[in-house]
Amino acid sequence: MIYVPKYVVSTTLEEVEWNNSRLIKGNLAEEISKLKQDPGQDITVHGSGQLVNSLMQYDLVDEYRLMIHPVVVGGGERLFKENSHVKNLSLVEIHTFKSGIVVLIYNSV
């Protein structure tokens, strides 16, 4: 079995108990920059708009994978905050599914 390392970014946890996991506290930009230099697979973020916005602030996001669901909610939290700086992106891939979901993959320019 192959274990993929899990990195947990938190300002409140003191330790993590999940298998093959490591806690990232302190200087987020420094820690993630170090991880990006290590050989291995891509680093992905699932479901944390706050973390993505922090990584964007330090220009640490190389690729954006946006899933568009065919549902109008009418409200909710924005992924990109109003005070985010402008980021030019280049569309590199599109995936469409029978369900109507579209995945757009962009690279940072």
PDB file of N, CA and C in Angstrom:
ATOM      1  N   MET A   1       0.843  -1.176   0.000  1.00  0.00           N
ATOM      2  CA  MET A   1       0.000   0.000   0.000  1.00  0.00           C
ATOM      3  C   MET A   1       0.891   1.244   0.000  1.00  0.00           C
ATOM      4  N   ILE A   2       0.519   2.220  -0.806  1.00  0.00           N
ATOM      5  CA  ILE A   2       1.263   3.479  -0.878  1.00  0.00           C
ATOM      6  C   ILE A   2       0.564   4.497   0.013  1.00  0.00           C
ATOM      7  N   TYR A   3       1.346   5.111   0.879  1.00  0.00           N
ATOM      8  CA  TYR A   3       0.802   6.152   1.751  1.00  0.00           C
ATOM      9  C   TYR A   3       1.193   7.512   1.214  1.00  0.00           C
ATOM     10  N   VAL A   4       0.215   8.361   1.012  1.00  0.00           N
ATOM     11  CA  VAL A   4       0.462   9.724   0.578  1.00  0.00           C
ATOM     12  C   VAL A   4       0.532  10.580   1.832  1.00  0.00           C
ATOM     13  N   PRO A   5       1.586  11.386   1.978  1.00  0.00           N
ATOM     14  CA  PRO A   5       1.672  12.213   3.176  1.00  0.00           C
ATOM     15  C   PRO A   5       0.548  13.245   3.222  1.00  0.00           C
ATOM     16  N   LYS A   6       0.081  13.505   4.409  1.00  0.00           N
ATOM     17  CA  LYS A   6      -0.978  14.487   4.622  1.00  0.00           C
ATOM     18  C   LYS A   6      -0.405  15.599   5.479  1.00  0.00           C
ATOM     19  N   TYR A   7      -0.564  16.825   5.031  1.00  0.00           N
ATOM     20  CA  TYR A   7      -0.096  17.982   5.773  1.00  0.00           C
ATOM     21  C   TYR A   7      -1.323  18.743   6.254  1.00  0.00           C
ATOM     22  N   VAL A   8      -1.374  19.001   7.531  1.00  0.00           N
ATOM     23  CA  VAL A   8      -2.509  19.689   8.138  1.00  0.00           C
ATOM     24  C   VAL A   8      -2.044  21.072   8.552  1.00  0.00           C
ATOM     25  N   VAL A   9      -2.657  22.099   7.975  1.00  0.00           N
ATOM     26  CA  VAL A   9      -2.322  23.477   8.316  1.00  0.00           C
ATOM     27  C   VAL A   9      -3.324  23.942   9.359  1.00  0.00           C
ATOM     28  N   SER A  10      -2.806  24.368  10.514  1.00  0.00           N
ATOM     29  CA  SER A  10      -3.698  24.777  11.599  1.00  0.00           C
ATOM     30  C   SER A  10      -3.005  25.789  12.498  1.00  0.00           C
ATOM     31  N   THR A  11      -3.808  26.692  13.017  1.00  0.00           N
ATOM     32  CA  THR A  11      -3.294  27.624  14.027  1.00  0.00           C
ATOM     33  C   THR A  11      -3.749  27.215  15.421  1.00  0.00           C
ATOM     34  N   THR A  12      -4.616  26.201  15.503  1.00  0.00           N
ATOM     35  CA  THR A  12      -5.149  25.809  16.808  1.00  0.00           C
ATOM     36  C   THR A  12      -4.695  24.433  17.273  1.00  0.00           C
ATOM     37  N   LEU A  13      -4.433  23.504  16.357  1.00  0.00           N
ATOM     38  CA  LEU A  13      -4.013  22.163  16.757  1.00  0.00           C
ATOM     39  C   LEU A  13      -2.584  22.166  17.288  1.00  0.00           C
ATOM     40  N   GLU A  14      -2.334  21.291  18.232  1.00  0.00           N
ATOM     41  CA  GLU A  14      -0.979  21.120  18.765  1.00  0.00           C
ATOM     42  C   GLU A  14      -0.315  19.870  18.198  1.00  0.00           C
ATOM     43  N   GLU A  15      -1.135  18.905  17.782  1.00  0.00           N
ATOM     44  CA  GLU A  15      -0.622  17.692  17.162  1.00  0.00           C
ATOM     45  C   GLU A  15      -1.706  17.076  16.301  1.00  0.00           C
ATOM     46  N   VAL A  16      -1.294  16.185  15.387  1.00  0.00           N
ATOM     47  CA  VAL A  16      -2.252  15.469  14.540  1.00  0.00           C
ATOM     48  C   VAL A  16      -2.080  13.974  14.787  1.00  0.00           C
ATOM     49  N   GLU A  17      -3.184  13.270  14.756  1.00  0.00           N
ATOM     50  CA  GLU A  17      -3.160  11.846  15.068  1.00  0.00           C
ATOM     51  C   GLU A  17      -3.436  10.971  13.852  1.00  0.00           C
ATOM     52  N   TRP A  18      -3.654  11.581  12.674  1.00  0.00           N
ATOM     53  CA  TRP A  18      -3.925  10.800  11.480  1.00  0.00           C
ATOM     54  C   TRP A  18      -2.659  10.106  11.018  1.00  0.00           C
ATOM     55  N   ASN A  19      -2.833   8.941  10.438  1.00  0.00           N
ATOM     56  CA  ASN A  19      -1.709   8.193   9.882  1.00  0.00           C
ATOM     57  C   ASN A  19      -0.973   9.023   8.838  1.00  0.00           C
ATOM     58  N   ASN A  20       0.342   8.980   8.869  1.00  0.00           N
ATOM     59  CA  ASN A  20       1.183   9.605   7.847  1.00  0.00           C
ATOM     60  C   ASN A  20       0.877  11.096   7.675  1.00  0.00           C
ATOM     61  N   SER A  21       0.658  11.804   8.775  1.00  0.00           N
ATOM     62  CA  SER A  21       0.329  13.218   8.693  1.00  0.00           C
ATOM     63  C   SER A  21       1.325  14.063   9.484  1.00  0.00           C
ATOM     64  N   ARG A  22       1.417  15.309   9.065  1.00  0.00           N
ATOM     65  CA  ARG A  22       2.328  16.255   9.704  1.00  0.00           C
ATOM     66  C   ARG A  22       1.624  17.596   9.867  1.00  0.00           C
ATOM     67  N   LEU A  23       1.815  18.212  11.001  1.00  0.00           N
ATOM     68  CA  LEU A  23       1.194  19.504  11.297  1.00  0.00           C
ATOM     69  C   LEU A  23       2.079  20.635  10.801  1.00  0.00           C
ATOM     70  N   ILE A  24       1.466  21.585  10.104  1.00  0.00           N
ATOM     71  CA  ILE A  24       2.171  22.796   9.686  1.00  0.00           C
ATOM     72  C   ILE A  24       1.609  23.948  10.499  1.00  0.00           C
ATOM     73  N   LYS A  25       2.470  24.549  11.294  1.00  0.00           N
ATOM     74  CA  LYS A  25       2.123  25.719  12.101  1.00  0.00           C
ATOM     75  C   LYS A  25       3.183  26.775  11.833  1.00  0.00           C
ATOM     76  N   GLY A  26       2.905  27.977  12.242  1.00  0.00           N
ATOM     77  CA  GLY A  26       3.933  29.015  12.112  1.00  0.00           C
ATOM     78  C   GLY A  26       3.915  29.669  10.744  1.00  0.00           C
ATOM     79  N   ASN A  27       5.089  29.827  10.148  1.00  0.00           N
ATOM     80  CA  ASN A  27       5.240  30.549   8.890  1.00  0.00           C
ATOM     81  C   ASN A  27       4.786  29.686   7.709  1.00  0.00           C
ATOM     82  N   LEU A  28       3.555  29.899   7.289  1.00  0.00           N
ATOM     83  CA  LEU A  28       2.950  29.095   6.222  1.00  0.00           C
ATOM     84  C   LEU A  28       3.751  29.204   4.927  1.00  0.00           C
ATOM     85  N   ALA A  29       4.098  30.409   4.520  1.00  0.00           N
ATOM     86  CA  ALA A  29       4.806  30.604   3.255  1.00  0.00           C
ATOM     87  C   ALA A  29       6.133  29.857   3.253  1.00  0.00           C
ATOM     88  N   GLU A  30       6.849  29.927   4.337  1.00  0.00           N
ATOM     89  CA  GLU A  30       8.146  29.256   4.437  1.00  0.00           C
ATOM     90  C   GLU A  30       7.996  27.734   4.374  1.00  0.00           C
ATOM     91  N   GLU A  31       7.039  27.202   5.128  1.00  0.00           N
ATOM     92  CA  GLU A  31       6.825  25.752   5.170  1.00  0.00           C
ATOM     93  C   GLU A  31       6.375  25.198   3.820  1.00  0.00           C
ATOM     94  N   ILE A  32       5.453  25.878   3.162  1.00  0.00           N
ATOM     95  CA  ILE A  32       4.958  25.403   1.874  1.00  0.00           C
ATOM     96  C   ILE A  32       6.035  25.560   0.805  1.00  0.00           C
ATOM     97  N   SER A  33       6.800  26.623   0.854  1.00  0.00           N
ATOM     98  CA  SER A  33       7.913  26.799  -0.091  1.00  0.00           C
ATOM     99  C   SER A  33       8.907  25.652   0.023  1.00  0.00           C
ATOM    100  N   LYS A  34       9.195  25.225   1.245  1.00  0.00           N
ATOM    101  CA  LYS A  34      10.093  24.077   1.456  1.00  0.00           C
ATOM    102  C   LYS A  34       9.492  22.805   0.858  1.00  0.00           C
ATOM    103  N   LEU A  35       8.194  22.576   1.107  1.00  0.00           N
ATOM    104  CA  LEU A  35       7.532  21.382   0.573  1.00  0.00           C
ATOM    105  C   LEU A  35       7.576  21.359  -0.953  1.00  0.00           C
ATOM    106  N   LYS A  36       7.398  22.514  -1.580  1.00  0.00           N
ATOM    107  CA  LYS A  36       7.404  22.582  -3.038  1.00  0.00           C
ATOM    108  C   LYS A  36       8.769  22.238  -3.618  1.00  0.00           C
ATOM    109  N   GLN A  37       9.819  22.392  -2.841  1.00  0.00           N
ATOM    110  CA  GLN A  37      11.174  22.064  -3.311  1.00  0.00           C
ATOM    111  C   GLN A  37      11.470  20.572  -3.218  1.00  0.00           C
ATOM    112  N   ASP A  38      10.722  19.857  -2.382  1.00  0.00           N
ATOM    113  CA  ASP A  38      10.941  18.417  -2.217  1.00  0.00           C
ATOM    114  C   ASP A  38      10.466  17.664  -3.460  1.00  0.00           C
ATOM    115  N   PRO A  39      11.179  16.572  -3.798  1.00  0.00           N
ATOM    116  CA  PRO A  39      10.704  15.756  -4.918  1.00  0.00           C
ATOM    117  C   PRO A  39       9.433  15.015  -4.508  1.00  0.00           C
ATOM    118  N   GLY A  40       8.631  14.667  -5.475  1.00  0.00           N
ATOM    119  CA  GLY A  40       7.411  13.918  -5.177  1.00  0.00           C
ATOM    120  C   GLY A  40       6.240  14.421  -5.978  1.00  0.00           C
ATOM    121  N   GLN A  41       5.062  14.085  -5.509  1.00  0.00           N
ATOM    122  CA  GLN A  41       3.845  14.429  -6.223  1.00  0.00           C
ATOM    123  C   GLN A  41       3.408  15.853  -5.916  1.00  0.00           C
ATOM    124  N   ASP A  42       2.347  16.243  -6.597  1.00  0.00           N
ATOM    125  CA  ASP A  42       1.798  17.582  -6.411  1.00  0.00           C
ATOM    126  C   ASP A  42       1.210  17.744  -5.017  1.00  0.00           C
ATOM    127  N   ILE A  43       1.162  18.968  -4.570  1.00  0.00           N
ATOM    128  CA  ILE A  43       0.496  19.317  -3.320  1.00  0.00           C
ATOM    129  C   ILE A  43      -0.890  19.820  -3.700  1.00  0.00           C
ATOM    130  N   THR A  44      -1.916  19.251  -3.095  1.00  0.00           N
ATOM    131  CA  THR A  44      -3.277  19.693  -3.397  1.00  0.00           C
ATOM    132  C   THR A  44      -3.964  20.184  -2.133  1.00  0.00           C
ATOM    133  N   VAL A  45      -4.904  21.100  -2.339  1.00  0.00           N
ATOM    134  CA  VAL A  45      -5.717  21.623  -1.237  1.00  0.00           C
ATOM    135  C   VAL A  45      -7.161  21.305  -1.575  1.00  0.00           C
ATOM    136  N   HIS A  46      -7.856  20.689  -0.633  1.00  0.00           N
ATOM    137  CA  HIS A  46      -9.262  20.345  -0.839  1.00  0.00           C
ATOM    138  C   HIS A  46     -10.118  21.067   0.197  1.00  0.00           C
ATOM    139  N   GLY A  47     -11.013  21.909  -0.277  1.00  0.00           N
ATOM    140  CA  GLY A  47     -12.039  22.466   0.582  1.00  0.00           C
ATOM    141  C   GLY A  47     -11.624  23.500   1.606  1.00  0.00           C
ATOM    142  N   SER A  48     -10.568  24.248   1.369  1.00  0.00           N
ATOM    143  CA  SER A  48     -10.196  25.286   2.318  1.00  0.00           C
ATOM    144  C   SER A  48      -9.920  26.593   1.593  1.00  0.00           C
ATOM    145  N   GLY A  49     -10.958  27.374   1.417  1.00  0.00           N
ATOM    146  CA  GLY A  49     -10.818  28.673   0.765  1.00  0.00           C
ATOM    147  C   GLY A  49      -9.860  29.592   1.509  1.00  0.00           C
ATOM    148  N   GLN A  50      -9.880  29.531   2.823  1.00  0.00           N
ATOM    149  CA  GLN A  50      -8.991  30.375   3.627  1.00  0.00           C
ATOM    150  C   GLN A  50      -7.527  30.024   3.362  1.00  0.00           C
ATOM    151  N   LEU A  51      -7.215  28.731   3.287  1.00  0.00           N
ATOM    152  CA  LEU A  51      -5.846  28.307   3.005  1.00  0.00           C
ATOM    153  C   LEU A  51      -5.438  28.699   1.592  1.00  0.00           C
ATOM    154  N   VAL A  52      -6.326  28.490   0.625  1.00  0.00           N
ATOM    155  CA  VAL A  52      -6.019  28.868  -0.759  1.00  0.00           C
ATOM    156  C   VAL A  52      -5.723  30.360  -0.852  1.00  0.00           C
ATOM    157  N   ASN A  53      -6.524  31.176  -0.195  1.00  0.00           N
ATOM    158  CA  ASN A  53      -6.285  32.620  -0.228  1.00  0.00           C
ATOM    159  C   ASN A  53      -4.947  32.983   0.399  1.00  0.00           C
ATOM    160  N   SER A  54      -4.570  32.301   1.471  1.00  0.00           N
ATOM    161  CA  SER A  54      -3.264  32.544   2.083  1.00  0.00           C
ATOM    162  C   SER A  54      -2.139  32.148   1.138  1.00  0.00           C
ATOM    163  N   LEU A  55      -2.269  31.004   0.481  1.00  0.00           N
ATOM    164  CA  LEU A  55      -1.248  30.555  -0.466  1.00  0.00           C
ATOM    165  C   LEU A  55      -1.149  31.500  -1.664  1.00  0.00           C
ATOM    166  N   MET A  56      -2.290  32.007  -2.115  1.00  0.00           N
ATOM    167  CA  MET A  56      -2.299  32.963  -3.228  1.00  0.00           C
ATOM    168  C   MET A  56      -1.555  34.241  -2.852  1.00  0.00           C
ATOM    169  N   GLN A  57      -1.739  34.668  -1.624  1.00  0.00           N
ATOM    170  CA  GLN A  57      -1.093  35.889  -1.145  1.00  0.00           C
ATOM    171  C   GLN A  57       0.435  35.802  -1.282  1.00  0.00           C
ATOM    172  N   TYR A  58       0.978  34.604  -1.114  1.00  0.00           N
ATOM    173  CA  TYR A  58       2.424  34.389  -1.196  1.00  0.00           C
ATOM    174  C   TYR A  58       2.847  33.808  -2.545  1.00  0.00           C
ATOM    175  N   ASP A  59       1.943  33.821  -3.526  1.00  0.00           N
ATOM    176  CA  ASP A  59       2.210  33.332  -4.878  1.00  0.00           C
ATOM    177  C   ASP A  59       2.692  31.879  -4.866  1.00  0.00           C
ATOM    178  N   LEU A  60       2.034  31.035  -4.087  1.00  0.00           N
ATOM    179  CA  LEU A  60       2.422  29.636  -3.939  1.00  0.00           C
ATOM    180  C   LEU A  60       1.495  28.661  -4.661  1.00  0.00           C
ATOM    181  N   VAL A  61       0.546  29.180  -5.429  1.00  0.00           N
ATOM    182  CA  VAL A  61      -0.371  28.315  -6.174  1.00  0.00           C
ATOM    183  C   VAL A  61       0.070  28.302  -7.633  1.00  0.00           C
ATOM    184  N   ASP A  62       0.395  27.113  -8.134  1.00  0.00           N
ATOM    185  CA  ASP A  62       0.832  26.969  -9.521  1.00  0.00           C
ATOM    186  C   ASP A  62      -0.319  26.615 -10.459  1.00  0.00           C
ATOM    187  N   GLU A  63      -1.311  25.915  -9.914  1.00  0.00           N
ATOM    188  CA  GLU A  63      -2.418  25.439 -10.746  1.00  0.00           C
ATOM    189  C   GLU A  63      -3.723  25.541  -9.967  1.00  0.00           C
ATOM    190  N   TYR A  64      -4.762  25.969 -10.664  1.00  0.00           N
ATOM    191  CA  TYR A  64      -6.097  26.078 -10.074  1.00  0.00           C
ATOM    192  C   TYR A  64      -7.000  25.083 -10.790  1.00  0.00           C
ATOM    193  N   ARG A  65      -7.693  24.235 -10.026  1.00  0.00           N
ATOM    194  CA  ARG A  65      -8.673  23.298 -10.575  1.00  0.00           C
ATOM    195  C   ARG A  65     -10.034  23.692 -10.012  1.00  0.00           C
ATOM    196  N   LEU A  66     -10.825  24.291 -10.852  1.00  0.00           N
ATOM    197  CA  LEU A  66     -12.130  24.796 -10.424  1.00  0.00           C
ATOM    198  C   LEU A  66     -13.231  23.892 -10.941  1.00  0.00           C
ATOM    199  N   MET A  67     -14.065  23.409 -10.023  1.00  0.00           N
ATOM    200  CA  MET A  67     -15.192  22.556 -10.394  1.00  0.00           C
ATOM    201  C   MET A  67     -16.464  23.401 -10.376  1.00  0.00           C
ATOM    202  N   ILE A  68     -17.123  23.439 -11.513  1.00  0.00           N
ATOM    203  CA  ILE A  68     -18.372  24.189 -11.647  1.00  0.00           C
ATOM    204  C   ILE A  68     -19.520  23.179 -11.621  1.00  0.00           C
ATOM    205  N   HIS A  69     -20.395  23.324 -10.637  1.00  0.00           N
ATOM    206  CA  HIS A  69     -21.548  22.430 -10.497  1.00  0.00           C
ATOM    207  C   HIS A  69     -22.785  23.150 -11.021  1.00  0.00           C
ATOM    208  N   PRO A  70     -23.669  22.437 -11.715  1.00  0.00           N
ATOM    209  CA  PRO A  70     -24.860  23.074 -12.280  1.00  0.00           C
ATOM    210  C   PRO A  70     -25.956  23.303 -11.241  1.00  0.00           C
ATOM    211  N   VAL A  71     -25.607  24.057 -10.208  1.00  0.00           N
ATOM    212  CA  VAL A  71     -26.558  24.362  -9.138  1.00  0.00           C
ATOM    213  C   VAL A  71     -26.414  25.836  -8.791  1.00  0.00           C
ATOM    214  N   VAL A  72     -27.514  26.550  -8.707  1.00  0.00           N
ATOM    215  CA  VAL A  72     -27.480  27.947  -8.284  1.00  0.00           C
ATOM    216  C   VAL A  72     -27.855  27.982  -6.816  1.00  0.00           C
ATOM    217  N   VAL A  73     -26.925  28.399  -5.984  1.00  0.00           N
ATOM    218  CA  VAL A  73     -27.157  28.415  -4.548  1.00  0.00           C
ATOM    219  C   VAL A  73     -27.713  29.763  -4.113  1.00  0.00           C
ATOM    220  N   GLY A  74     -27.244  30.841  -4.725  1.00  0.00           N
ATOM    221  CA  GLY A  74     -27.748  32.167  -4.403  1.00  0.00           C
ATOM    222  C   GLY A  74     -27.012  32.855  -3.277  1.00  0.00           C
ATOM    223  N   GLY A  75     -26.023  32.232  -2.703  1.00  0.00           N
ATOM    224  CA  GLY A  75     -25.257  32.854  -1.629  1.00  0.00           C
ATOM    225  C   GLY A  75     -24.136  31.950  -1.196  1.00  0.00           C
ATOM    226  N   GLY A  76     -23.364  32.414  -0.266  1.00  0.00           N
ATOM    227  CA  GLY A  76     -22.266  31.606   0.241  1.00  0.00           C
ATOM    228  C   GLY A  76     -20.981  32.397   0.312  1.00  0.00           C
ATOM    229  N   GLU A  77     -19.946  31.711   0.696  1.00  0.00           N
ATOM    230  CA  GLU A  77     -18.650  32.356   0.846  1.00  0.00           C
ATOM    231  C   GLU A  77     -17.923  32.370  -0.498  1.00  0.00           C
ATOM    232  N   ARG A  78     -17.260  33.473  -0.777  1.00  0.00           N
ATOM    233  CA  ARG A  78     -16.484  33.599  -2.015  1.00  0.00           C
ATOM    234  C   ARG A  78     -15.181  32.817  -1.891  1.00  0.00           C
ATOM    235  N   LEU A  79     -14.746  32.194  -2.983  1.00  0.00           N
ATOM    236  CA  LEU A  79     -13.451  31.520  -2.986  1.00  0.00           C
ATOM    237  C   LEU A  79     -12.328  32.542  -3.008  1.00  0.00           C
ATOM    238  N   PHE A  80     -12.445  33.527  -3.881  1.00  0.00           N
ATOM    239  CA  PHE A  80     -11.421  34.564  -3.992  1.00  0.00           C
ATOM    240  C   PHE A  80     -11.930  35.809  -3.271  1.00  0.00           C
ATOM    241  N   LYS A  81     -11.216  36.206  -2.250  1.00  0.00           N
ATOM    242  CA  LYS A  81     -11.631  37.339  -1.421  1.00  0.00           C
ATOM    243  C   LYS A  81     -11.549  38.650  -2.198  1.00  0.00           C
ATOM    244  N   GLU A  82     -12.343  39.628  -1.770  1.00  0.00           N
ATOM    245  CA  GLU A  82     -12.379  40.926  -2.449  1.00  0.00           C
ATOM    246  C   GLU A  82     -11.028  41.625  -2.436  1.00  0.00           C
ATOM    247  N   ASN A  83     -10.231  41.392  -1.403  1.00  0.00           N
ATOM    248  CA  ASN A  83      -8.938  42.071  -1.323  1.00  0.00           C
ATOM    249  C   ASN A  83      -7.817  41.281  -1.988  1.00  0.00           C
ATOM    250  N   SER A  84      -8.161  40.193  -2.703  1.00  0.00           N
ATOM    251  CA  SER A  84      -7.149  39.404  -3.417  1.00  0.00           C
ATOM    252  C   SER A  84      -6.582  40.236  -4.557  1.00  0.00           C
ATOM    253  N   HIS A  85      -5.288  40.093  -4.793  1.00  0.00           N
ATOM    254  CA  HIS A  85      -4.688  40.805  -5.913  1.00  0.00           C
ATOM    255  C   HIS A  85      -5.039  40.098  -7.220  1.00  0.00           C
ATOM    256  N   VAL A  86      -4.980  40.816  -8.324  1.00  0.00           N
ATOM    257  CA  VAL A  86      -5.313  40.261  -9.626  1.00  0.00           C
ATOM    258  C   VAL A  86      -4.295  39.195 -10.001  1.00  0.00           C
ATOM    259  N   LYS A  87      -4.778  38.073 -10.489  1.00  0.00           N
ATOM    260  CA  LYS A  87      -3.915  36.958 -10.865  1.00  0.00           C
ATOM    261  C   LYS A  87      -4.295  36.541 -12.280  1.00  0.00           C
ATOM    262  N   ASN A  88      -3.360  36.626 -13.207  1.00  0.00           N
ATOM    263  CA  ASN A  88      -3.622  36.179 -14.573  1.00  0.00           C
ATOM    264  C   ASN A  88      -3.436  34.673 -14.644  1.00  0.00           C
ATOM    265  N   LEU A  89      -4.410  34.011 -15.279  1.00  0.00           N
ATOM    266  CA  LEU A  89      -4.386  32.562 -15.399  1.00  0.00           C
ATOM    267  C   LEU A  89      -4.484  32.163 -16.862  1.00  0.00           C
ATOM    268  N   SER A  90      -3.956  30.986 -17.163  1.00  0.00           N
ATOM    269  CA  SER A  90      -4.008  30.451 -18.518  1.00  0.00           C
ATOM    270  C   SER A  90      -4.754  29.116 -18.482  1.00  0.00           C
ATOM    271  N   LEU A  91      -5.838  29.013 -19.252  1.00  0.00           N
ATOM    272  CA  LEU A  91      -6.625  27.785 -19.299  1.00  0.00           C
ATOM    273  C   LEU A  91      -5.829  26.701 -20.004  1.00  0.00           C
ATOM    274  N   VAL A  92      -5.641  25.546 -19.335  1.00  0.00           N
ATOM    275  CA  VAL A  92      -4.853  24.466 -19.921  1.00  0.00           C
ATOM    276  C   VAL A  92      -5.658  23.205 -20.187  1.00  0.00           C
ATOM    277  N   GLU A  93      -6.795  23.063 -19.520  1.00  0.00           N
ATOM    278  CA  GLU A  93      -7.563  21.826 -19.685  1.00  0.00           C
ATOM    279  C   GLU A  93      -9.005  22.039 -19.247  1.00  0.00           C
ATOM    280  N   ILE A  94      -9.914  21.327 -19.915  1.00  0.00           N
ATOM    281  CA  ILE A  94     -11.334  21.349 -19.555  1.00  0.00           C
ATOM    282  C   ILE A  94     -11.836  19.911 -19.534  1.00  0.00           C
ATOM    283  N   HIS A  95     -12.560  19.553 -18.476  1.00  0.00           N
ATOM    284  CA  HIS A  95     -13.199  18.240 -18.392  1.00  0.00           C
ATOM    285  C   HIS A  95     -14.688  18.471 -18.169  1.00  0.00           C
ATOM    286  N   THR A  96     -15.505  17.814 -18.950  1.00  0.00           N
ATOM    287  CA  THR A  96     -16.955  17.902 -18.743  1.00  0.00           C
ATOM    288  C   THR A  96     -17.486  16.511 -18.427  1.00  0.00           C
ATOM    289  N   PHE A  97     -18.504  16.477 -17.587  1.00  0.00           N
ATOM    290  CA  PHE A  97     -19.088  15.214 -17.160  1.00  0.00           C
ATOM    291  C   PHE A  97     -20.574  15.193 -17.506  1.00  0.00           C
ATOM    292  N   LYS A  98     -21.129  13.999 -17.659  1.00  0.00           N
ATOM    293  CA  LYS A  98     -22.544  13.846 -18.001  1.00  0.00           C
ATOM    294  C   LYS A  98     -23.452  14.538 -16.989  1.00  0.00           C
ATOM    295  N   SER A  99     -22.987  14.643 -15.755  1.00  0.00           N
ATOM    296  CA  SER A  99     -23.773  15.278 -14.693  1.00  0.00           C
ATOM    297  C   SER A  99     -23.899  16.783 -14.893  1.00  0.00           C
ATOM    298  N   GLY A 100     -23.106  17.345 -15.807  1.00  0.00           N
ATOM    299  CA  GLY A 100     -23.116  18.786 -16.020  1.00  0.00           C
ATOM    300  C   GLY A 100     -21.968  19.491 -15.320  1.00  0.00           C
ATOM    301  N   ILE A 101     -21.235  18.765 -14.488  1.00  0.00           N
ATOM    302  CA  ILE A 101     -20.079  19.352 -13.809  1.00  0.00           C
ATOM    303  C   ILE A 101     -18.977  19.603 -14.830  1.00  0.00           C
ATOM    304  N   VAL A 102     -18.349  20.761 -14.705  1.00  0.00           N
ATOM    305  CA  VAL A 102     -17.231  21.124 -15.571  1.00  0.00           C
ATOM    306  C   VAL A 102     -16.025  21.409 -14.667  1.00  0.00           C
ATOM    307  N   VAL A 103     -14.869  20.845 -15.027  1.00  0.00           N
ATOM    308  CA  VAL A 103     -13.637  21.115 -14.307  1.00  0.00           C
ATOM    309  C   VAL A 103     -12.737  21.929 -15.227  1.00  0.00           C
ATOM    310  N   LEU A 104     -12.351  23.098 -14.756  1.00  0.00           N
ATOM    311  CA  LEU A 104     -11.471  23.997 -15.503  1.00  0.00           C
ATOM    312  C   LEU A 104     -10.119  24.012 -14.812  1.00  0.00           C
ATOM    313  N   ILE A 105      -9.059  23.755 -15.562  1.00  0.00           N
ATOM    314  CA  ILE A 105      -7.722  23.732 -14.992  1.00  0.00           C
ATOM    315  C   ILE A 105      -6.928  24.897 -15.579  1.00  0.00           C
ATOM    316  N   TYR A 106      -6.435  25.734 -14.682  1.00  0.00           N
ATOM    317  CA  TYR A 106      -5.676  26.926 -15.070  1.00  0.00           C
ATOM    318  C   TYR A 106      -4.280  26.870 -14.458  1.00  0.00           C
ATOM    319  N   ASN A 107      -3.305  27.379 -15.172  1.00  0.00           N
ATOM    320  CA  ASN A 107      -1.957  27.586 -14.641  1.00  0.00           C
ATOM    321  C   ASN A 107      -1.780  29.068 -14.358  1.00  0.00           C
ATOM    322  N   SER A 108      -0.959  29.373 -13.371  1.00  0.00           N
ATOM    323  CA  SER A 108      -0.590  30.757 -13.109  1.00  0.00           C
ATOM    324  C   SER A 108       0.303  31.241 -14.246  1.00  0.00           C
ATOM    325  N   VAL A 109       0.118  32.484 -14.621  1.00  0.00           N
ATOM    326  CA  VAL A 109       0.929  33.072 -15.694  1.00  0.00           C
ATOM    327  C   VAL A 109       2.037  33.884 -15.079  1.00  0.00           C
TER     328      VAL A 109
END
